[in-house]
C-alpha atoms as a PDB file:
ATOM      1  CA  UNK A   1      15.451 -18.652 -38.058  1.00  0.00           C
ATOM      2  CA  UNK A   2      11.721 -19.122 -37.702  1.00  0.00           C
ATOM      3  CA  UNK A   3      10.697 -18.549 -34.109  1.00  0.00           C
ATOM      4  CA  UNK A   4       8.409 -20.792 -32.091  1.00  0.00           C
ATOM      5  CA  UNK A   5       5.505 -18.695 -30.877  1.00  0.00           C
ATOM      6  CA  UNK A   6       4.172 -19.469 -27.407  1.00  0.00           C
ATOM      7  CA  UNK A   7       0.646 -18.242 -26.789  1.00  0.00           C
ATOM      8  CA  UNK A   8      -0.249 -18.890 -23.193  1.00  0.00           C
ATOM      9  CA  UNK A   9      -0.849 -15.483 -21.674  1.00  0.00           C
ATOM     10  CA  UNK A  10      -3.609 -12.942 -22.090  1.00  0.00           C
ATOM     11  CA  UNK A  11      -1.549 -10.001 -20.888  1.00  0.00           C
ATOM     12  CA  UNK A  12       1.982  -8.717 -21.252  1.00  0.00           C
ATOM     13  CA  UNK A  13       4.874 -10.941 -20.254  1.00  0.00           C
ATOM     14  CA  UNK A  14       6.749  -9.877 -17.114  1.00  0.00           C
ATOM     15  CA  UNK A  15       9.516 -12.510 -16.947  1.00  0.00           C
ATOM     16  CA  UNK A  16      10.735 -15.647 -18.699  1.00  0.00           C
ATOM     17  CA  UNK A  17      13.250 -18.061 -17.189  1.00  0.00           C
ATOM     18  CA  UNK A  18      14.908 -21.292 -18.318  1.00  0.00           C
ATOM     19  CA  UNK A  19      15.666 -23.989 -15.796  1.00  0.00           C
ATOM     20  CA  UNK A  20      19.309 -25.011 -15.356  1.00  0.00           C
ATOM     21  CA  UNK A  21      19.283 -27.718 -18.042  1.00  0.00           C
ATOM     22  CA  UNK A  22      17.243 -25.548 -20.368  1.00  0.00           C
ATOM     23  CA  UNK A  23      14.647 -28.194 -21.253  1.00  0.00           C
ATOM     24  CA  UNK A  24      11.908 -26.101 -19.633  1.00  0.00           C
ATOM     25  CA  UNK A  25      10.951 -22.461 -20.028  1.00  0.00           C
ATOM     26  CA  UNK A  26       8.861 -20.751 -17.333  1.00  0.00           C
ATOM     27  CA  UNK A  27       6.833 -17.691 -18.289  1.00  0.00           C
ATOM     28  CA  UNK A  28       4.851 -15.265 -16.141  1.00  0.00           C
ATOM     29  CA  UNK A  29       2.783 -12.274 -17.154  1.00  0.00           C
ATOM     30  CA  UNK A  30       0.394  -9.621 -15.893  1.00  0.00           C
ATOM     31  CA  UNK A  31      -2.279 -12.311 -15.751  1.00  0.00           C
ATOM     32  CA  UNK A  32      -2.376 -14.769 -12.828  1.00  0.00           C
ATOM     33  CA  UNK A  33      -1.170 -17.756 -14.886  1.00  0.00           C
ATOM     34  CA  UNK A  34       2.292 -19.290 -14.535  1.00  0.00           C
ATOM     35  CA  UNK A  35       3.141 -21.397 -17.583  1.00  0.00           C
ATOM     36  CA  UNK A  36       5.890 -23.954 -18.185  1.00  0.00           C
ATOM     37  CA  UNK A  37       6.847 -25.033 -21.723  1.00  0.00           C
ATOM     38  CA  UNK A  38       9.157 -27.526 -23.366  1.00  0.00           C
ATOM     39  CA  UNK A  39      11.800 -25.269 -24.877  1.00  0.00           C
ATOM     40  CA  UNK A  40      12.630 -27.718 -27.682  1.00  0.00           C
ATOM     41  CA  UNK A  41       9.267 -27.512 -29.457  1.00  0.00           C
ATOM     42  CA  UNK A  42       7.203 -24.915 -27.585  1.00  0.00           C
ATOM     43  CA  UNK A  43       4.700 -27.439 -26.278  1.00  0.00           C
ATOM     44  CA  UNK A  44       3.011 -26.366 -23.061  1.00  0.00           C
ATOM     45  CA  UNK A  45       3.753 -28.764 -20.242  1.00  0.00           C
ATOM     46  CA  UNK A  46       1.371 -27.204 -17.742  1.00  0.00           C
ATOM     47  CA  UNK A  47       0.345 -24.294 -15.557  1.00  0.00           C
ATOM     48  CA  UNK A  48       0.636 -23.388 -11.909  1.00  0.00           C
ATOM     49  CA  UNK A  49      -2.686 -21.922 -10.835  1.00  0.00           C
ATOM     50  CA  UNK A  50      -3.389 -20.094  -7.602  1.00  0.00           C
ATOM     51  CA  UNK A  51      -2.294 -16.495  -7.957  1.00  0.00           C
ATOM     52  CA  UNK A  52      -5.014 -13.859  -8.143  1.00  0.00           C
ATOM     53  CA  UNK A  53      -2.991 -10.956  -9.560  1.00  0.00           C
ATOM     54  CA  UNK A  54      -0.237 -10.119 -12.002  1.00  0.00           C
ATOM     55  CA  UNK A  55       2.826 -12.338 -11.513  1.00  0.00           C
ATOM     56  CA  UNK A  56       6.043 -10.325 -11.519  1.00  0.00           C
ATOM     57  CA  UNK A  57       8.744 -12.944 -11.135  1.00  0.00           C
ATOM     58  CA  UNK A  58       9.524 -16.648 -11.425  1.00  0.00           C
ATOM     59  CA  UNK A  59      12.490 -18.878 -10.595  1.00  0.00           C
ATOM     60  CA  UNK A  60      13.279 -22.597 -10.575  1.00  0.00           C
ATOM     61  CA  UNK A  61      15.816 -24.251  -8.306  1.00  0.00           C
ATOM     62  CA  UNK A  62      18.914 -26.006  -9.633  1.00  0.00           C
ATOM     63  CA  UNK A  63      17.392 -29.481 -10.027  1.00  0.00           C
ATOM     64  CA  UNK A  64      14.003 -28.123 -11.182  1.00  0.00           C
ATOM     65  CA  UNK A  65      12.146 -29.647  -8.257  1.00  0.00           C
ATOM     66  CA  UNK A  66      10.538 -26.432  -7.082  1.00  0.00           C
ATOM     67  CA  UNK A  67       9.260 -23.265  -8.727  1.00  0.00           C
ATOM     68  CA  UNK A  68       8.972 -19.920  -6.960  1.00  0.00           C
ATOM     69  CA  UNK A  69       6.660 -17.101  -8.068  1.00  0.00           C
ATOM     70  CA  UNK A  70       5.979 -13.623  -6.729  1.00  0.00           C
ATOM     71  CA  UNK A  71       2.851 -11.694  -7.494  1.00  0.00           C
ATOM     72  CA  UNK A  72       0.949  -8.442  -7.122  1.00  0.00           C
ATOM     73  CA  UNK A  73      -1.633 -10.372  -5.102  1.00  0.00           C
ATOM     74  CA  UNK A  74       0.759  -9.844  -2.151  1.00  0.00           C
ATOM     75  CA  UNK A  75       2.051 -13.388  -2.057  1.00  0.00           C
ATOM     76  CA  UNK A  76       5.103 -15.449  -2.891  1.00  0.00           C
ATOM     77  CA  UNK A  77       4.329 -19.077  -3.680  1.00  0.00           C
ATOM     78  CA  UNK A  78       6.383 -22.254  -3.861  1.00  0.00           C
ATOM     79  CA  UNK A  79       5.239 -24.977  -6.264  1.00  0.00           C
ATOM     80  CA  UNK A  80       6.125 -28.564  -6.988  1.00  0.00           C
ATOM     81  CA  UNK A  81       7.478 -28.319 -10.518  1.00  0.00           C
ATOM     82  CA  UNK A  82       6.354 -31.748 -11.667  1.00  0.00           C
ATOM     83  CA  UNK A  83       2.813 -31.891 -10.269  1.00  0.00           C
ATOM     84  CA  UNK A  84       1.922 -28.189 -10.196  1.00  0.00           C
ATOM     85  CA  UNK A  85       0.889 -28.495  -6.547  1.00  0.00           C
ATOM     86  CA  UNK A  86       1.281 -25.413  -4.352  1.00  0.00           C
ATOM     87  CA  UNK A  87       3.694 -26.307  -1.546  1.00  0.00           C
ATOM     88  CA  UNK A  88       3.873 -23.039   0.352  1.00  0.00           C
ATOM     89  CA  UNK A  89       2.332 -19.600   0.427  1.00  0.00           C
ATOM     90  CA  UNK A  90       3.995 -16.587   2.008  1.00  0.00           C
ATOM     91  CA  UNK A  91       1.700 -13.593   2.473  1.00  0.00           C
ATOM     92  CA  UNK A  92       3.228 -10.133   2.196  1.00  0.00           C
ATOM     93  CA  UNK A  93       2.012  -6.576   2.758  1.00  0.00           C
ATOM     94  CA  UNK A  94       2.699  -5.418  -0.781  1.00  0.00           C
ATOM     95  CA  UNK A  95       3.437  -6.829  -4.244  1.00  0.00           C
ATOM     96  CA  UNK A  96       6.351  -9.241  -4.591  1.00  0.00           C
ATOM     97  CA  UNK A  97       8.643  -7.806  -7.269  1.00  0.00           C
ATOM     98  CA  UNK A  98      11.609 -10.193  -7.411  1.00  0.00           C
ATOM     99  CA  UNK A  99      12.242 -13.722  -6.149  1.00  0.00           C
ATOM    100  CA  UNK A 100      14.942 -16.352  -6.368  1.00  0.00           C
ATOM    101  CA  UNK A 101      16.438 -19.589  -5.047  1.00  0.00           C
ATOM    102  CA  UNK A 102      20.015 -19.657  -3.875  1.00  0.00           C
ATOM    103  CA  UNK A 103      22.369 -22.086  -5.620  1.00  0.00           C
ATOM    104  CA  UNK A 104      21.580 -24.956  -3.263  1.00  0.00           C
ATOM    105  CA  UNK A 105      17.834 -24.457  -3.614  1.00  0.00           C
ATOM    106  CA  UNK A 106      17.398 -24.301   0.178  1.00  0.00           C
ATOM    107  CA  UNK A 107      17.043 -20.587   0.734  1.00  0.00           C
ATOM    108  CA  UNK A 108      14.619 -18.285  -1.057  1.00  0.00           C
ATOM    109  CA  UNK A 109      14.697 -14.527  -1.151  1.00  0.00           C
ATOM    110  CA  UNK A 110      12.088 -12.119  -2.419  1.00  0.00           C
ATOM    111  CA  UNK A 111      11.626  -8.370  -2.357  1.00  0.00           C
ATOM    112  CA  UNK A 112       8.370  -6.506  -1.882  1.00  0.00           C
ATOM    113  CA  UNK A 113       7.325  -3.157  -3.314  1.00  0.00           C
ATOM    114  CA  UNK A 114       7.053   0.070  -1.413  1.00  0.00           C
ATOM    115  CA  UNK A 115       3.331   0.753  -1.658  1.00  0.00           C
ATOM    116  CA  UNK A 116       0.230   1.491   0.408  1.00  0.00           C
ATOM    117  CA  UNK A 117       2.333   2.844   3.260  1.00  0.00           C
ATOM    118  CA  UNK A 118       4.497  -0.274   3.460  1.00  0.00           C
ATOM    119  CA  UNK A 119       8.260  -0.313   3.212  1.00  0.00           C
ATOM    120  CA  UNK A 120      10.284  -2.171   0.572  1.00  0.00           C
ATOM    121  CA  UNK A 121      11.766  -5.303   2.211  1.00  0.00           C
ATOM    122  CA  UNK A 122      13.945  -8.205   1.171  1.00  0.00           C
ATOM    123  CA  UNK A 123      12.951 -11.383   3.006  1.00  0.00           C
ATOM    124  CA  UNK A 124      14.982 -14.586   3.334  1.00  0.00           C
ATOM    125  CA  UNK A 125      13.376 -17.943   4.172  1.00  0.00           C
ATOM    126  CA  UNK A 126      15.183 -21.226   4.770  1.00  0.00           C
ATOM    127  CA  UNK A 127      13.042 -23.993   3.263  1.00  0.00           C
ATOM    128  CA  UNK A 128      14.739 -26.586   5.492  1.00  0.00           C
ATOM    129  CA  UNK A 129      12.927 -25.017   8.444  1.00  0.00           C
ATOM    130  CA  UNK A 130       9.181 -25.341   7.698  1.00  0.00           C
ATOM    131  CA  UNK A 131       8.235 -23.225  10.709  1.00  0.00           C
ATOM    132  CA  UNK A 132       9.560 -20.094   9.004  1.00  0.00           C
ATOM    133  CA  UNK A 133       6.978 -20.303   6.222  1.00  0.00           C
ATOM    134  CA  UNK A 134       4.180 -21.517   8.485  1.00  0.00           C
ATOM    135  CA  UNK A 135       4.601 -18.587  10.843  1.00  0.00           C
ATOM    136  CA  UNK A 136       5.465 -16.113   8.035  1.00  0.00           C
ATOM    137  CA  UNK A 137       8.702 -15.388   9.903  1.00  0.00           C
ATOM    138  CA  UNK A 138      11.716 -15.041   7.590  1.00  0.00           C
ATOM    139  CA  UNK A 139      15.081 -15.624   9.242  1.00  0.00           C
ATOM    140  CA  UNK A 140      16.085 -12.217   7.949  1.00  0.00           C
ATOM    141  CA  UNK A 141      14.251  -9.188   6.618  1.00  0.00           C
ATOM    142  CA  UNK A 142      16.209  -6.212   5.276  1.00  0.00           C
ATOM    143  CA  UNK A 143      14.418  -2.855   4.938  1.00  0.00           C
ATOM    144  CA  UNK A 144      15.292  -0.677   1.937  1.00  0.00           C
ATOM    145  CA  UNK A 145      14.512   2.847   2.994  1.00  0.00           C
ATOM    146  CA  UNK A 146      15.984   4.957   0.226  1.00  0.00           C
ATOM    147  CA  UNK A 147      14.847   3.460  -3.053  1.00  0.00           C
ATOM    148  CA  UNK A 148      12.807   0.340  -3.726  1.00  0.00           C
ATOM    149  CA  UNK A 149      14.322  -2.779  -5.273  1.00  0.00           C
ATOM    150  CA  UNK A 150      13.252  -3.333  -8.869  1.00  0.00           C
ATOM    151  CA  UNK A 151      15.408  -6.374  -9.664  1.00  0.00           C
ATOM    152  CA  UNK A 152      17.508  -8.809  -7.643  1.00  0.00           C
ATOM    153  CA  UNK A 153      19.531 -12.007  -8.107  1.00  0.00           C
ATOM    154  CA  UNK A 154      21.581 -14.312  -5.915  1.00  0.00           C
ATOM    155  CA  UNK A 155      25.339 -13.954  -6.160  1.00  0.00           C
ATOM    156  CA  UNK A 156      27.681 -16.939  -6.536  1.00  0.00           C
ATOM    157  CA  UNK A 157      27.653 -19.509  -3.690  1.00  0.00           C
ATOM    158  CA  UNK A 158      24.562 -17.964  -2.104  1.00  0.00           C
ATOM    159  CA  UNK A 159      26.569 -15.662   0.154  1.00  0.00           C
ATOM    160  CA  UNK A 160      24.858 -12.466  -0.937  1.00  0.00           C
ATOM    161  CA  UNK A 161      22.218 -11.054  -3.252  1.00  0.00           C
ATOM    162  CA  UNK A 162      22.723  -8.306  -5.801  1.00  0.00           C
ATOM    163  CA  UNK A 163      19.843  -5.837  -5.892  1.00  0.00           C
ATOM    164  CA  UNK A 164      19.105  -3.102  -8.421  1.00  0.00           C
ATOM    165  CA  UNK A 165      17.077  -0.130  -7.266  1.00  0.00           C
ATOM    166  CA  UNK A 166      14.646   2.387  -8.706  1.00  0.00           C
ATOM    167  CA  UNK A 167      17.238   5.167  -8.479  1.00  0.00           C
ATOM    168  CA  UNK A 168      19.866   3.178 -10.443  1.00  0.00           C
ATOM    169  CA  UNK A 169      21.882   2.002  -7.449  1.00  0.00           C
ATOM    170  CA  UNK A 170      23.264  -1.517  -7.075  1.00  0.00           C
ATOM    171  CA  UNK A 171      23.619  -3.020  -3.614  1.00  0.00           C
ATOM    172  CA  UNK A 172      25.152  -6.257  -2.454  1.00  0.00           C
ATOM    173  CA  UNK A 173      23.329  -7.526   0.644  1.00  0.00           C
ATOM    174  CA  UNK A 174      24.842 -10.287   2.760  1.00  0.00           C
ATOM    175  CA  UNK A 175      22.493 -13.274   3.082  1.00  0.00           C
ATOM    176  CA  UNK A 176      23.967 -13.971   6.525  1.00  0.00           C
ATOM    177  CA  UNK A 177      23.937 -10.581   8.250  1.00  0.00           C
ATOM    178  CA  UNK A 178      21.804  -8.451   5.941  1.00  0.00           C
ATOM    179  CA  UNK A 179      24.350  -5.661   5.771  1.00  0.00           C
ATOM    180  CA  UNK A 180      25.251  -3.818   2.580  1.00  0.00           C
ATOM    181  CA  UNK A 181      28.609  -5.199   1.452  1.00  0.00           C
ATOM    182  CA  UNK A 182      29.099  -3.057  -1.661  1.00  0.00           C
ATOM    183  CA  UNK A 183      27.163  -0.128  -3.090  1.00  0.00           C
ATOM    184  CA  UNK A 184      27.699   1.364  -6.552  1.00  0.00           C
ATOM    185  CA  UNK A 185      25.710   3.722  -8.749  1.00  0.00           C
ATOM    186  CA  UNK A 186      26.541   3.436 -12.433  1.00  0.00           C
ATOM    187  CA  UNK A 187      23.020   3.844 -13.819  1.00  0.00           C
ATOM    188  CA  UNK A 188      21.104   7.114 -13.678  1.00  0.00           C
ATOM    189  CA  UNK A 189      17.635   5.545 -13.775  1.00  0.00           C
ATOM    190  CA  UNK A 190      15.765   2.458 -12.639  1.00  0.00           C
ATOM    191  CA  UNK A 191      17.374  -0.959 -13.100  1.00  0.00           C
ATOM    192  CA  UNK A 192      14.788  -3.150 -14.799  1.00  0.00           C
ATOM    193  CA  UNK A 193      16.604  -6.459 -14.909  1.00  0.00           C
ATOM    194  CA  UNK A 194      19.703  -8.239 -13.608  1.00  0.00           C
ATOM    195  CA  UNK A 195      20.964 -11.548 -15.014  1.00  0.00           C
ATOM    196  CA  UNK A 196      24.135 -13.405 -14.105  1.00  0.00           C
ATOM    197  CA  UNK A 197      26.524 -15.145 -16.452  1.00  0.00           C
ATOM    198  CA  UNK A 198      26.475 -18.951 -16.578  1.00  0.00           C
ATOM    199  CA  UNK A 199      29.312 -19.246 -14.023  1.00  0.00           C
ATOM    200  CA  UNK A 200      27.898 -16.352 -11.964  1.00  0.00           C
ATOM    201  CA  UNK A 201      31.169 -14.402 -11.962  1.00  0.00           C
ATOM    202  CA  UNK A 202      29.576 -11.510 -13.845  1.00  0.00           C
ATOM    203  CA  UNK A 203      26.134 -10.036 -14.238  1.00  0.00           C
ATOM    204  CA  UNK A 204      24.452  -7.656 -16.641  1.00  0.00           C
ATOM    205  CA  UNK A 205      21.967  -4.948 -15.733  1.00  0.00           C
ATOM    206  CA  UNK A 206      19.290  -3.431 -17.955  1.00  0.00           C
ATOM    207  CA  UNK A 207      18.199   0.092 -17.152  1.00  0.00           C
ATOM    208  CA  UNK A 208      15.662   2.728 -18.055  1.00  0.00           C
ATOM    209  CA  UNK A 209      18.581   5.063 -18.785  1.00  0.00           C
ATOM    210  CA  UNK A 210      18.892   3.375 -22.236  1.00  0.00           C
ATOM    211  CA  UNK A 211      21.886   1.240 -21.359  1.00  0.00           C
ATOM    212  CA  UNK A 212      22.912  -2.198 -20.176  1.00  0.00           C
ATOM    213  CA  UNK A 213      26.090  -2.654 -18.153  1.00  0.00           C
ATOM    214  CA  UNK A 214      28.320  -5.554 -17.229  1.00  0.00           C
ATOM    215  CA  UNK A 215      29.622  -5.875 -13.665  1.00  0.00           C
ATOM    216  CA  UNK A 216      31.821  -8.188 -11.634  1.00  0.00           C
ATOM    217  CA  UNK A 217      29.601 -10.127  -9.195  1.00  0.00           C
ATOM    218  CA  UNK A 218      31.940  -9.980  -6.222  1.00  0.00           C
ATOM    219  CA  UNK A 219      33.345  -6.444  -6.405  1.00  0.00           C
ATOM    220  CA  UNK A 220      30.487  -4.826  -8.399  1.00  0.00           C
ATOM    221  CA  UNK A 221      33.192  -3.301 -10.558  1.00  0.00           C
ATOM    222  CA  UNK A 222      31.723  -1.850 -13.747  1.00  0.00           C
ATOM    223  CA  UNK A 223      33.290  -3.439 -16.854  1.00  0.00           C
ATOM    224  CA  UNK A 224      31.318  -2.776 -20.030  1.00  0.00           C
ATOM    225  CA  UNK A 225      28.435  -0.628 -21.271  1.00  0.00           C
ATOM    226  CA  UNK A 226      25.962  -1.183 -24.093  1.00  0.00           C
ATOM    227  CA  UNK A 227      24.013   1.884 -25.189  1.00  0.00           C
ATOM    228  CA  UNK A 228      20.748   2.123 -27.133  1.00  0.00           C
ATOM    229  CA  UNK A 229      18.250   4.882 -27.911  1.00  0.00           C
ATOM    230  CA  UNK A 230      15.470   3.383 -25.828  1.00  0.00           C
ATOM    231  CA  UNK A 231      14.939   2.077 -22.315  1.00  0.00           C
ATOM    232  CA  UNK A 232      16.362  -1.429 -21.895  1.00  0.00           C
ATOM    233  CA  UNK A 233      13.902  -3.757 -20.171  1.00  0.00           C
ATOM    234  CA  UNK A 234      16.015  -6.886 -20.107  1.00  0.00           C
ATOM    235  CA  UNK A 235      19.507  -8.122 -20.946  1.00  0.00           C
ATOM    236  CA  UNK A 236      21.049 -11.596 -21.031  1.00  0.00           C
ATOM    237  CA  UNK A 237      24.563 -12.976 -21.472  1.00  0.00           C
ATOM    238  CA  UNK A 238      25.294 -15.828 -23.872  1.00  0.00           C
ATOM    239  CA  UNK A 239      26.758 -18.867 -22.091  1.00  0.00           C
ATOM    240  CA  UNK A 240      29.017 -19.808 -25.021  1.00  0.00           C
ATOM    241  CA  UNK A 241      29.916 -16.590 -26.848  1.00  0.00           C
ATOM    242  CA  UNK A 242      30.855 -13.064 -25.836  1.00  0.00           C
ATOM    243  CA  UNK A 243      27.401 -11.930 -26.841  1.00  0.00           C
ATOM    244  CA  UNK A 244      24.712  -9.937 -25.076  1.00  0.00           C
ATOM    245  CA  UNK A 245      21.075  -9.695 -26.099  1.00  0.00           C
ATOM    246  CA  UNK A 246      19.057  -6.626 -25.082  1.00  0.00           C
ATOM    247  CA  UNK A 247      15.300  -6.309 -25.171  1.00  0.00           C
ATOM    248  CA  UNK A 248      13.491  -3.028 -24.823  1.00  0.00           C
ATOM    249  CA  UNK A 249      11.408  -0.478 -26.605  1.00  0.00           C
ATOM    250  CA  UNK A 250       9.353   2.320 -25.206  1.00  0.00           C
ATOM    251  CA  UNK A 251       7.588   2.370 -21.929  1.00  0.00           C
ATOM    252  CA  UNK A 252       4.277   0.580 -22.375  1.00  0.00           C
ATOM    253  CA  UNK A 253       2.371   3.813 -21.954  1.00  0.00           C
ATOM    254  CA  UNK A 254       4.385   5.638 -24.622  1.00  0.00           C
ATOM    255  CA  UNK A 255       3.600   3.128 -27.369  1.00  0.00           C
ATOM    256  CA  UNK A 256       1.124   4.864 -29.661  1.00  0.00           C
ATOM    257  CA  UNK A 257      -1.663   2.920 -31.277  1.00  0.00           C
ATOM    258  CA  UNK A 258      -0.825   4.425 -34.653  1.00  0.00           C
ATOM    259  CA  UNK A 259       2.786   3.223 -34.602  1.00  0.00           C
ATOM    260  CA  UNK A 260       4.172   2.297 -38.014  1.00  0.00           C
ATOM    261  CA  UNK A 261       6.778   0.112 -36.331  1.00  0.00           C
ATOM    262  CA  UNK A 262       4.499  -2.897 -36.286  1.00  0.00           C
ATOM    263  CA  UNK A 263       6.371  -6.088 -35.449  1.00  0.00           C
ATOM    264  CA  UNK A 264       9.514  -3.987 -35.350  1.00  0.00           C
ATOM    265  CA  UNK A 265      10.443  -4.227 -31.714  1.00  0.00           C
ATOM    266  CA  UNK A 266      13.843  -5.798 -31.991  1.00  0.00           C
ATOM    267  CA  UNK A 267      16.048  -7.847 -29.781  1.00  0.00           C
ATOM    268  CA  UNK A 268      19.525  -6.389 -30.206  1.00  0.00           C
ATOM    269  CA  UNK A 269      22.764  -8.340 -30.082  1.00  0.00           C
ATOM    270  CA  UNK A 270      25.968  -6.752 -28.864  1.00  0.00           C
ATOM    271  CA  UNK A 271      29.505  -8.055 -28.728  1.00  0.00           C
ATOM    272  CA  UNK A 272      30.762  -8.144 -25.157  1.00  0.00           C
ATOM    273  CA  UNK A 273      34.360  -7.245 -25.906  1.00  0.00           C
ATOM    274  CA  UNK A 274      34.007  -4.239 -28.189  1.00  0.00           C
ATOM    275  CA  UNK A 275      30.544  -3.141 -26.956  1.00  0.00           C
ATOM    276  CA  UNK A 276      29.251  -2.905 -30.540  1.00  0.00           C
ATOM    277  CA  UNK A 277      25.925  -4.021 -31.933  1.00  0.00           C
ATOM    278  CA  UNK A 278      26.118  -6.728 -34.590  1.00  0.00           C
ATOM    279  CA  UNK A 279      22.546  -7.883 -35.157  1.00  0.00           C
ATOM    280  CA  UNK A 280      18.830  -7.409 -34.531  1.00  0.00           C
ATOM    281  CA  UNK A 281      15.874  -9.716 -34.538  1.00  0.00           C
ATOM    282  CA  UNK A 282      12.411  -8.309 -35.157  1.00  0.00           C
ATOM    283  CA  UNK A 283       9.123  -9.861 -34.296  1.00  0.00           C
ATOM    284  CA  UNK A 284       7.310  -8.497 -31.270  1.00  0.00           C
ATOM    285  CA  UNK A 285       4.374  -6.106 -31.602  1.00  0.00           C
ATOM    286  CA  UNK A 286       5.360  -4.206 -28.495  1.00  0.00           C
ATOM    287  CA  UNK A 287       8.373  -3.646 -26.280  1.00  0.00           C
ATOM    288  CA  UNK A 288      10.318  -6.730 -25.184  1.00  0.00           C
ATOM    289  CA  UNK A 289      10.008  -7.120 -21.427  1.00  0.00           C
ATOM    290  CA  UNK A 290      12.222 -10.140 -20.833  1.00  0.00           C
ATOM    291  CA  UNK A 291      14.974 -11.977 -22.696  1.00  0.00           C
ATOM    292  CA  UNK A 292      16.823 -15.161 -21.785  1.00  0.00           C
ATOM    293  CA  UNK A 293      19.521 -17.295 -23.380  1.00  0.00           C
ATOM    294  CA  UNK A 294      19.125 -21.056 -23.388  1.00  0.00           C
ATOM    295  CA  UNK A 295      21.844 -22.553 -21.128  1.00  0.00           C
ATOM    296  CA  UNK A 296      23.431 -24.252 -24.174  1.00  0.00           C
ATOM    297  CA  UNK A 297      23.616 -20.922 -26.031  1.00  0.00           C
ATOM    298  CA  UNK A 298      21.992 -22.324 -29.184  1.00  0.00           C
ATOM    299  CA  UNK A 299      18.726 -20.445 -28.798  1.00  0.00           C
ATOM    300  CA  UNK A 300      17.232 -17.530 -26.942  1.00  0.00           C
ATOM    301  CA  UNK A 301      13.718 -16.465 -25.991  1.00  0.00           C
ATOM    302  CA  UNK A 302      11.973 -13.150 -25.612  1.00  0.00           C
ATOM    303  CA  UNK A 303       8.698 -12.195 -23.973  1.00  0.00           C
ATOM    304  CA  UNK A 304       6.901  -9.024 -24.953  1.00  0.00           C
ATOM    305  CA  UNK A 305       4.289  -6.486 -24.016  1.00  0.00           C
ATOM    306  CA  UNK A 306       2.186  -8.199 -26.724  1.00  0.00           C
ATOM    307  CA  UNK A 307       1.764 -11.260 -24.469  1.00  0.00           C
ATOM    308  CA  UNK A 308       3.744 -13.583 -26.732  1.00  0.00           C
ATOM    309  CA  UNK A 309       6.908 -15.506 -25.970  1.00  0.00           C
ATOM    310  CA  UNK A 310       9.134 -16.298 -28.934  1.00  0.00           C
ATOM    311  CA  UNK A 311      11.811 -18.997 -28.892  1.00  0.00           C
ATOM    312  CA  UNK A 312      14.484 -18.390 -31.526  1.00  0.00           C
ATOM    313  CA  UNK A 313      16.903 -21.139 -32.541  1.00  0.00           C
ATOM    314  CA  UNK A 314      20.028 -19.649 -34.063  1.00  0.00           C
ATOM    315  CA  UNK A 315      20.998 -20.412 -37.652  1.00  0.00           C
ATOM    316  CA  UNK A 316      24.360 -22.081 -38.393  1.00  0.00           C
ATOM    317  CA  UNK A 317      25.695 -18.695 -39.587  1.00  0.00           C
ATOM    318  CA  UNK A 318      25.429 -17.376 -36.039  1.00  0.00           C
ATOM    319  CA  UNK A 319      27.904 -19.961 -34.790  1.00  0.00           C
ATOM    320  CA  UNK A 320      30.378 -19.301 -37.604  1.00  0.00           C
ATOM    321  CA  UNK A 321      30.116 -15.542 -37.229  1.00  0.00           C
ATOM    322  CA  UNK A 322      33.415 -13.781 -36.521  1.00  0.00           C
ATOM    323  CA  UNK A 323      33.218 -10.247 -35.185  1.00  0.00           C
ATOM    324  CA  UNK A 324      35.542  -7.888 -37.030  1.00  0.00           C
ATOM    325  CA  UNK A 325      36.620  -5.161 -34.680  1.00  0.00           C
END
């Protein structure tokens, strides 16, 4: 399995995201560039230029018409996927940490950081009502007083969002009323990443407490745990197998320059049922910040602190592999 190396960022990758069909891969990093690539061969299709700070998050809607990005330049921007034109700009008071389209692609949500005396908020805009964006007036804005949101995704059917917080809590916020529907705390430290399964019935969290956990989307019931020795920055569920891939490593500031582990930051594969590790893939020269499975399950990608994105197509052995419990 020789990976395809994507070199399109000058600084560390913050998030990578496939569109629903999986023919495109969107990558954002701590530089202002938003890149989109053909996932089949790693060719760069284009860039979305306009941000002036690190870009923390990216999402595409279900038919890949629009792209949403959130940045440390205190803005959330909506782009035309095909032309790269900026369609909308929402100004915020602090950095935009997470963003996402609901399943219909009509409603966007994003969360802002608690910084410079400003509160952490989740804002909801309905794109069918252009006045909301023009006047910077979301139809709903939920304050998060206790602990800021570090990762968030839409739940199934766009009825609620699932948010992970800095203190390890998970909250389910209603997209209609804004109230907290369910609250659980299974992690002891910050939740770095949340990704749903293909059918959105489950989601997996990646946390700084060295573990990834599987939850039920509706009840937030904790189902499985995957433990490692290092902070987990990102976790993704395979759409075709009971497999989980975890990406992590040290905190960026703990990586020493004299490390002998060069190119040894592995993506780790766990079996969902028995919670056991069955494989690792080396390659990055720094911690892995984001992992994603291709929607057909035949490849996965990882983006690292080294600024590279690697697309790995699985060998035939992977598909024949039987896990012996």
